[in-house]
Protein backbone atom coordinates (compact mmCIF):
# COMPACT_ATOMS: atom_id res chain seq x y z
CA MET A 1 -6.18 12.63 -13.17
CA ILE A 2 -3.78 15.32 -12.43
CA SER A 3 -0.31 14.14 -11.60
CA PRO A 4 1.95 15.53 -8.83
CA PRO A 5 4.29 18.40 -9.53
CA PHE A 6 6.10 17.96 -12.58
CA ALA A 7 9.84 17.37 -12.00
CA GLY A 8 11.14 17.73 -15.62
CA ILE A 9 10.65 16.39 -19.07
CA SER A 10 12.13 12.88 -19.39
CA PRO A 11 13.58 10.80 -22.28
CA LEU A 12 10.05 9.04 -22.55
CA THR A 13 8.14 12.37 -23.34
CA MET A 14 6.80 12.23 -26.83
CA ALA A 15 4.79 15.45 -27.03
CA ILE A 16 3.13 18.18 -24.81
CA LEU A 17 -0.21 19.28 -26.06
CA PRO A 18 -2.45 22.24 -25.06
CA LYS A 19 -5.80 21.42 -23.50
CA ASN A 20 -8.47 23.89 -22.12
CA ARG A 21 -10.42 22.15 -19.44
CA PHE A 22 -10.97 22.82 -15.84
CA ASN A 23 -7.53 22.16 -13.96
CA VAL A 24 -6.01 20.86 -17.37
CA SER A 25 -3.79 23.12 -19.40
CA SER A 26 -1.64 20.39 -21.02
CA THR A 27 -1.48 16.71 -21.77
CA ILE A 28 2.01 15.25 -21.85
CA LEU A 29 2.16 11.98 -24.18
CA GLU A 30 4.80 9.70 -23.00
CA ILE A 31 5.66 6.28 -24.18
CA HIS A 32 3.61 4.35 -21.68
CA GLN A 33 1.13 6.80 -20.16
CA THR A 34 -0.55 10.20 -20.57
CA ILE A 35 -0.23 12.89 -17.93
CA GLU A 36 -2.47 15.89 -17.34
CA GLN A 37 -0.95 19.17 -15.91
CA ASN A 38 -2.29 22.44 -15.07
CA LYS A 39 0.52 24.43 -16.58
CA LEU A 40 0.68 25.62 -20.27
CA PRO A 41 2.86 23.78 -22.62
CA ILE A 42 5.46 26.44 -22.71
CA GLN A 43 5.63 26.41 -18.86
CA LEU A 44 6.46 22.94 -19.09
CA ILE A 45 9.21 23.44 -21.63
CA ARG A 46 10.63 26.19 -19.51
CA GLU A 47 10.69 23.87 -16.30
CA GLY A 48 12.10 21.08 -18.35
CA CYS A 49 15.14 23.34 -19.32
CA LEU A 50 15.50 24.50 -15.77
CA TYR A 51 15.31 20.87 -14.69
CA HIS A 52 18.22 20.07 -16.99
CA TYR A 53 20.31 23.18 -15.75
CA SER A 54 19.63 25.79 -18.30
CA THR A 55 17.10 28.30 -19.15
CA TYR A 56 14.51 28.31 -22.28
CA GLU A 57 15.94 31.68 -23.19
CA GLY A 58 19.55 30.21 -23.03
CA ARG A 59 18.58 27.14 -25.09
CA LYS A 60 16.78 29.30 -27.66
CA ALA A 61 19.81 31.77 -27.95
CA ALA A 62 22.20 28.68 -28.09
CA THR A 63 20.04 27.22 -30.91
CA TYR A 64 20.27 30.49 -32.92
CA TYR A 65 24.00 30.74 -32.39
CA HIS A 66 24.61 27.31 -33.72
CA THR A 67 21.92 27.14 -36.46
CA GLY A 68 20.73 30.64 -37.22
CA PHE A 69 17.09 29.64 -36.60
CA LYS A 70 15.00 32.60 -35.43
CA ARG A 71 11.36 31.49 -35.40
CA LYS A 72 9.65 28.37 -34.01
CA VAL A 73 13.04 27.34 -32.71
CA PRO A 74 13.59 23.74 -31.64
CA ILE A 75 14.80 23.79 -28.13
CA VAL A 76 17.49 21.40 -26.78
CA ILE A 77 15.97 20.68 -23.41
CA SER A 78 18.84 18.29 -22.37
CA VAL A 79 22.10 18.06 -24.28
CA SER A 80 23.20 14.84 -22.13
CA HIS A 81 19.95 13.04 -22.87
CA GLN A 82 19.58 14.61 -26.34
CA ILE A 83 16.08 15.69 -25.55
CA ILE A 84 14.88 18.13 -28.37
CA ALA A 85 11.59 19.38 -28.99
CA PHE A 86 10.00 21.58 -31.62
CA PRO A 87 6.87 23.87 -31.45
CA THR A 88 4.04 23.45 -34.11
CA HIS A 89 3.24 27.06 -33.77
CA ALA A 90 4.68 30.41 -32.23
CA THR A 91 5.23 29.61 -28.69
CA THR A 92 2.74 32.47 -27.61
CA ASP A 93 -0.03 30.75 -29.55
CA ILE A 94 -2.41 28.97 -27.36
CA ASN A 95 -2.52 25.98 -29.91
CA CYS A 96 1.25 25.32 -29.78
CA ASN A 97 2.22 21.68 -29.42
CA TRP A 98 5.51 20.61 -28.68
CA ILE A 99 6.85 17.45 -30.37
CA PHE A 100 9.90 15.47 -29.33
CA TYR A 101 11.59 14.67 -32.38
CA HIS A 102 13.42 11.42 -31.34
CA HIS A 103 10.03 9.58 -30.78
CA VAL A 104 8.63 10.49 -34.20
CA GLU A 105 8.62 7.73 -36.61
CA SER A 106 6.76 9.29 -39.63
CA ILE A 107 4.71 12.29 -40.70
CA GLN A 108 2.17 11.83 -43.30
CA SER A 109 -0.22 14.28 -44.99
CA GLU A 110 -3.89 13.72 -44.27
CA SER A 111 -7.01 14.73 -46.35
CA ASP A 112 -9.22 17.48 -44.71
CA ARG A 113 -11.19 19.66 -47.06
CA ASN A 114 -10.84 22.73 -44.84
CA GLN A 115 -7.17 22.79 -44.05
CA PRO A 116 -4.13 20.63 -44.32
CA THR A 117 -3.48 18.23 -41.65
CA SER A 118 -1.00 15.66 -40.76
CA MET A 119 -0.67 12.49 -39.00
CA ILE A 120 2.47 11.97 -36.68
CA THR A 121 3.36 8.32 -35.88
CA PHE A 122 5.49 7.95 -32.94
CA ARG A 123 7.91 4.96 -32.68
CA ASN A 124 5.62 3.16 -30.16
CA GLY A 125 2.71 3.18 -32.76
CA ILE A 126 0.77 6.12 -31.22
CA GLN A 127 -0.43 8.52 -33.83
CA LEU A 128 -1.46 12.26 -33.38
CA ASN A 129 -3.31 14.45 -35.80
CA ILE A 130 -2.00 18.07 -36.14
CA ASN A 131 -3.82 20.65 -38.18
CA LEU A 132 -0.59 21.69 -40.06
CA PRO A 133 0.85 20.55 -43.36
CA ALA A 134 3.27 17.67 -43.43
CA PRO A 135 6.00 19.71 -45.21
CA PHE A 136 6.06 22.29 -42.33
CA LEU A 137 6.36 19.55 -39.69
CA LYS A 138 9.11 17.64 -41.70
CA GLU A 139 11.06 21.03 -41.89
CA GLN A 140 10.58 21.36 -38.13
CA MET A 141 12.16 17.76 -38.00
CA THR A 142 14.95 18.72 -40.25
CA ARG A 143 15.69 21.47 -37.96
CA CYS A 144 15.83 19.24 -34.93
CA LEU A 145 18.19 17.13 -36.67
CA ALA A 146 20.50 20.14 -37.37
CA CYS A 147 20.39 20.87 -33.62
CA PHE A 148 21.15 17.12 -32.81
CA TYR A 149 24.34 17.12 -35.12
CA SER A 150 25.56 20.58 -33.64
CA ILE A 151 25.53 18.98 -30.13
CA LYS A 152 27.19 15.69 -31.43
CA LYS A 153 30.19 17.54 -33.07
């Protein structure tokens, strides 16, 4: 089911995943529901920034200013709600997922003969398999924490 127009990313958002189906470009995982959208994940991230009175470019520049991160930059979507998400790939990559760090409970390595994979477990027990090595995802979590601490000071 496609939801009505998206009004912004909420504190309940756990991840935004790319999909390639007719009329579905993204799946938004929230704590109690899954929402399908006909917008790319990066479009939803951009709208989330605007919804919280900023721009994606401004948030990215602010992260660089405060942390020095240049690539695969975590985005502080809302300072007041402390909503921070990180990309799993380059933001121009069609396979880029966005993970909202404050919902992540753990990241574990999974075994796959062809490529490294990881299992993200969210605080509500939902698990998400990502085709990336766990150390990379853990580094992205560390970067989000750096953003979190920079907005708390």
